[in-house]
Amino acid sequence: MKAINFVLNILLALVVLCAGAFVLAPRFGLVSPFEIKIVRSGSMAPAIPTGSVVFIQPASSYSVGDVITFGPDTPTSVPTSHRIVSIRTENGTTHYTTKGDENNAADQSETPANKVIGRVIFSLPSIGYILAFSKTRLGFISMILIPSLLIICYELIGIMREAQSMRRRKRAEHAIRLLAKESHLLHFDIETPIRWRDQMAI
C-alpha cells in the first residue's frame, strides 16, 4: 500500500510538472533556446508520426537532410516540419526546398531562411496527444484530479485497514485479559479444595 501510494505521488508530481512545463514555460520563454511543437499531420511519418512532440533549436544555417520547422504559428495555423532536400542562395538570401518524408513530391514553395523557426533536434512519439489534451481546461483538470483521487482513495483504504487492525488488536487484548482472569479464577477454584483437604488431614 505504501509503495503504491509513493508511486502515485511521484506520478502526480511528474504530471503536474510536465503539464506546467509544456503549457506555461513557452509563454514565458523558459525553454529557450528550444521550442516545443506538436506534430499534427503524418507528412513526416514514420520518422515523426502524427501526435509527436518535436524539440526545435534555431541555428545560423541548415543542411540538406535536416528537418526544419517553418511557417506561421498562430491560433489558426501551425508551423510545418519537413526535411530539406535542396538549398538555393540568391542575392544573399538562402531558400530551402523541403519535403515531407511521406509525401511524393517536394513542397510547392521554397522557404526563406528568415521564416525558419529552427531544426528538429529530437521528437517524442504520441506525447503530443497528451499535451494537446492537457492544454484544454478539462484535460488539465483531469490530469491533476484523477491521480489526486487515486491517492485519496488509497489513503482512505489504508486508514480503514489500520482502523480494522486496531479493532482486531483491541478485541484480541480484551480476549486475552478475559482468559487471564478466568485462568486465575480457575486456579483459585482448584487450589482451595486442596488446601481445605490438607488442613482436615492435620
Protein backbone atom coordinates (compact mmCIF):
# COMPACT_ATOMS: atom_id res chain seq x y z
CA MET A 1 0.00 0.00 0.00
CA LYS A 2 2.75 2.43 0.92
CA ALA A 3 4.65 1.59 -2.26
CA ILE A 4 1.57 2.20 -4.42
CA ASN A 5 0.88 5.46 -2.63
CA PHE A 6 4.50 6.55 -3.15
CA VAL A 7 4.35 5.72 -6.86
CA LEU A 8 1.08 7.63 -7.27
CA ASN A 9 2.54 10.67 -5.55
CA ILE A 10 5.54 10.58 -7.88
CA LEU A 11 3.30 10.23 -10.93
CA LEU A 12 1.13 13.13 -9.79
CA ALA A 13 4.17 15.31 -9.29
CA LEU A 14 5.52 14.39 -12.72
CA VAL A 15 2.18 15.07 -14.39
CA VAL A 16 1.90 18.48 -12.75
CA LEU A 17 5.49 19.40 -13.60
CA CYS A 18 5.27 18.21 -17.21
CA ALA A 19 1.91 19.84 -17.81
CA GLY A 20 3.15 23.06 -16.28
CA ALA A 21 6.36 22.99 -18.27
CA PHE A 22 4.70 22.36 -21.61
CA VAL A 23 1.76 24.70 -21.07
CA LEU A 24 3.32 27.61 -19.19
CA ALA A 25 7.03 27.55 -19.96
CA PRO A 26 6.78 28.51 -23.65
CA ARG A 27 4.68 31.55 -22.74
CA PHE A 28 7.45 32.88 -20.53
CA GLY A 29 10.37 31.82 -22.70
CA LEU A 30 11.60 29.35 -20.10
CA VAL A 31 12.51 26.64 -22.63
CA SER A 32 14.83 28.81 -24.72
CA PRO A 33 16.82 28.04 -26.84
CA PHE A 34 14.39 25.19 -27.55
CA GLU A 35 10.85 25.41 -28.80
CA ILE A 36 8.33 22.64 -28.42
CA LYS A 37 5.69 21.91 -31.05
CA ILE A 38 3.07 19.23 -31.57
CA VAL A 39 3.05 17.47 -34.95
CA ARG A 40 -0.49 17.46 -36.31
CA SER A 41 -0.01 15.68 -39.64
CA GLY A 42 1.60 12.48 -40.86
CA SER A 43 3.70 14.04 -43.64
CA MET A 44 6.93 13.12 -41.82
CA ALA A 45 5.96 9.57 -40.92
CA PRO A 46 7.42 7.17 -40.00
CA ALA A 47 10.31 9.27 -38.66
CA ILE A 48 7.97 11.74 -36.94
CA PRO A 49 4.41 10.37 -36.76
CA THR A 50 1.29 12.36 -36.03
CA GLY A 51 0.95 13.28 -32.39
CA SER A 52 4.68 13.53 -31.77
CA VAL A 53 6.30 16.34 -29.85
CA VAL A 54 9.31 17.91 -31.58
CA PHE A 55 12.05 19.90 -29.89
CA ILE A 56 13.26 22.68 -32.14
CA GLN A 57 16.53 24.61 -31.87
CA PRO A 58 17.33 27.66 -34.00
CA ALA A 59 20.61 27.60 -35.94
CA SER A 60 22.54 30.02 -38.11
CA SER A 61 22.41 27.65 -41.09
CA TYR A 62 20.88 24.33 -42.08
CA SER A 63 21.96 21.47 -44.32
CA VAL A 64 20.28 19.08 -46.71
CA GLY A 65 18.71 16.29 -44.68
CA ASP A 66 17.87 18.48 -41.71
CA VAL A 67 14.25 18.52 -40.58
CA ILE A 68 13.31 22.17 -40.11
CA THR A 69 10.19 23.80 -38.73
CA PHE A 70 8.88 26.81 -40.57
CA GLY A 71 5.78 28.89 -41.23
CA PRO A 72 3.35 30.90 -39.13
CA ASP A 73 2.50 29.76 -35.62
CA THR A 74 -0.85 31.28 -34.68
CA PRO A 75 -4.08 30.05 -33.06
CA THR A 76 -5.45 29.33 -36.54
CA SER A 77 -2.31 27.92 -38.21
CA VAL A 78 0.53 25.66 -37.15
CA PRO A 79 4.10 25.52 -38.47
CA THR A 80 5.34 22.73 -40.72
CA SER A 81 8.22 20.37 -40.04
CA HIS A 82 9.73 18.98 -43.25
CA ARG A 83 13.12 17.76 -44.42
CA ILE A 84 15.42 19.94 -46.52
CA VAL A 85 16.03 18.37 -49.95
CA SER A 86 17.88 21.26 -51.60
CA ILE A 87 19.27 24.71 -50.82
CA ARG A 88 19.45 27.75 -53.07
CA THR A 89 21.08 31.10 -52.38
CA GLU A 90 20.12 34.17 -54.39
CA ASN A 91 21.12 37.78 -53.72
CA GLY A 92 22.48 36.81 -50.33
CA THR A 93 19.21 35.13 -49.26
CA THR A 94 19.08 31.41 -48.65
CA HIS A 95 16.00 29.44 -49.69
CA TYR A 96 15.23 25.88 -48.65
CA THR A 97 13.25 23.36 -50.63
CA THR A 98 11.55 20.96 -48.26
CA LYS A 99 9.63 17.73 -48.48
CA GLY A 100 7.71 15.53 -46.09
CA ASP A 101 9.12 12.00 -45.91
CA GLU A 102 5.65 10.60 -46.55
CA ASN A 103 4.88 12.98 -49.43
CA ASN A 104 5.51 12.03 -53.07
CA ALA A 105 6.69 15.49 -54.08
CA ALA A 106 8.53 18.42 -52.58
CA ASP A 107 6.65 21.40 -51.17
CA GLN A 108 5.42 23.77 -53.86
CA SER A 109 7.09 26.88 -52.43
CA GLU A 110 10.58 27.43 -51.08
CA THR A 111 11.13 28.60 -47.52
CA PRO A 112 13.39 31.63 -46.99
CA ALA A 113 15.85 31.39 -44.12
CA ASN A 114 14.09 34.11 -42.14
CA LYS A 115 10.92 32.00 -41.98
CA VAL A 116 12.64 29.02 -40.40
CA ILE A 117 11.90 28.56 -36.71
CA GLY A 118 14.65 26.01 -36.18
CA ARG A 119 15.89 22.47 -36.68
CA VAL A 120 14.17 19.48 -35.11
CA ILE A 121 16.66 18.06 -32.60
CA PHE A 122 14.59 15.08 -31.49
CA SER A 123 10.99 14.00 -31.15
CA LEU A 124 8.80 12.04 -28.75
CA PRO A 125 6.06 9.97 -30.42
CA SER A 126 2.44 10.12 -29.20
CA ILE A 127 3.21 12.58 -26.40
CA GLY A 128 1.56 15.35 -28.39
CA TYR A 129 -1.89 13.84 -27.88
CA ILE A 130 -1.45 14.02 -24.13
CA LEU A 131 -0.06 17.55 -24.26
CA ALA A 132 -2.79 18.77 -26.57
CA PHE A 133 -5.36 17.36 -24.17
CA SER A 134 -3.56 18.86 -21.17
CA LYS A 135 -3.79 22.32 -22.74
CA THR A 136 -7.58 22.17 -22.53
CA ARG A 137 -9.30 23.06 -19.28
CA LEU A 138 -10.87 19.61 -18.98
CA GLY A 139 -7.56 17.92 -19.73
CA PHE A 140 -5.54 19.95 -17.27
CA ILE A 141 -8.10 19.35 -14.51
CA SER A 142 -8.38 15.64 -15.33
CA MET A 143 -4.63 15.06 -15.33
CA ILE A 144 -4.40 16.50 -11.84
CA LEU A 145 -7.75 15.39 -10.44
CA ILE A 146 -7.59 11.71 -11.40
CA PRO A 147 -4.19 10.97 -9.78
CA SER A 148 -5.26 13.03 -6.76
CA LEU A 149 -8.46 10.99 -6.37
CA LEU A 150 -6.49 7.76 -6.67
CA ILE A 151 -4.15 8.89 -3.91
CA ILE A 152 -7.09 9.90 -1.70
CA CYS A 153 -8.77 6.52 -2.29
CA TYR A 154 -5.62 4.60 -1.38
CA GLU A 155 -5.17 6.77 1.70
CA LEU A 156 -8.76 6.09 2.79
CA ILE A 157 -8.33 2.36 2.21
CA GLY A 158 -5.15 2.45 4.28
CA ILE A 159 -6.92 4.31 7.09
CA MET A 160 -9.82 1.84 7.05
CA ARG A 161 -7.43 -1.13 7.16
CA GLU A 162 -5.50 0.42 10.01
CA ALA A 163 -8.73 1.04 11.92
CA GLN A 164 -9.80 -2.58 11.38
CA SER A 165 -6.39 -3.75 12.53
CA MET A 166 -6.66 -1.64 15.69
CA ARG A 167 -10.12 -3.05 16.42
CA ARG A 168 -8.82 -6.59 15.97
CA ARG A 169 -5.91 -5.88 18.31
CA LYS A 170 -8.27 -4.45 20.93
CA ARG A 171 -10.56 -7.46 20.69
CA ALA A 172 -7.56 -9.78 20.99
CA GLU A 173 -6.23 -7.90 24.01
CA HIS A 174 -9.68 -7.97 25.61
CA ALA A 175 -9.95 -11.70 24.98
CA ILE A 176 -6.50 -12.26 26.50
CA ARG A 177 -7.45 -10.28 29.60
CA LEU A 178 -10.67 -12.30 29.99
CA LEU A 179 -8.75 -15.52 29.51
CA ALA A 180 -6.17 -14.46 32.09
CA LYS A 181 -8.93 -13.56 34.53
CA GLU A 182 -10.73 -16.85 34.00
CA SER A 183 -7.47 -18.74 34.38
CA HIS A 184 -6.87 -17.01 37.70
CA LEU A 185 -10.37 -17.93 38.94
CA LEU A 186 -9.94 -21.49 37.78
CA HIS A 187 -6.63 -21.72 39.59
CA PHE A 188 -8.29 -20.41 42.75
CA ASP A 189 -11.20 -22.88 42.49
CA ILE A 190 -8.81 -25.79 42.10
CA GLU A 191 -6.38 -24.85 44.84
CA THR A 192 -8.99 -24.06 47.52
CA PRO A 193 -10.32 -27.67 47.98
CA ILE A 194 -6.76 -28.97 48.05
CA ARG A 195 -5.76 -26.62 50.84
CA TRP A 196 -9.01 -27.40 52.75
CA ARG A 197 -8.34 -31.14 52.45
CA ASP A 198 -4.78 -30.77 53.73
CA GLN A 199 -6.00 -28.80 56.72
CA MET A 200 -8.56 -31.51 57.58
CA ALA A 201 -5.87 -34.16 57.39
CA ILE A 202 -3.83 -32.36 60.01
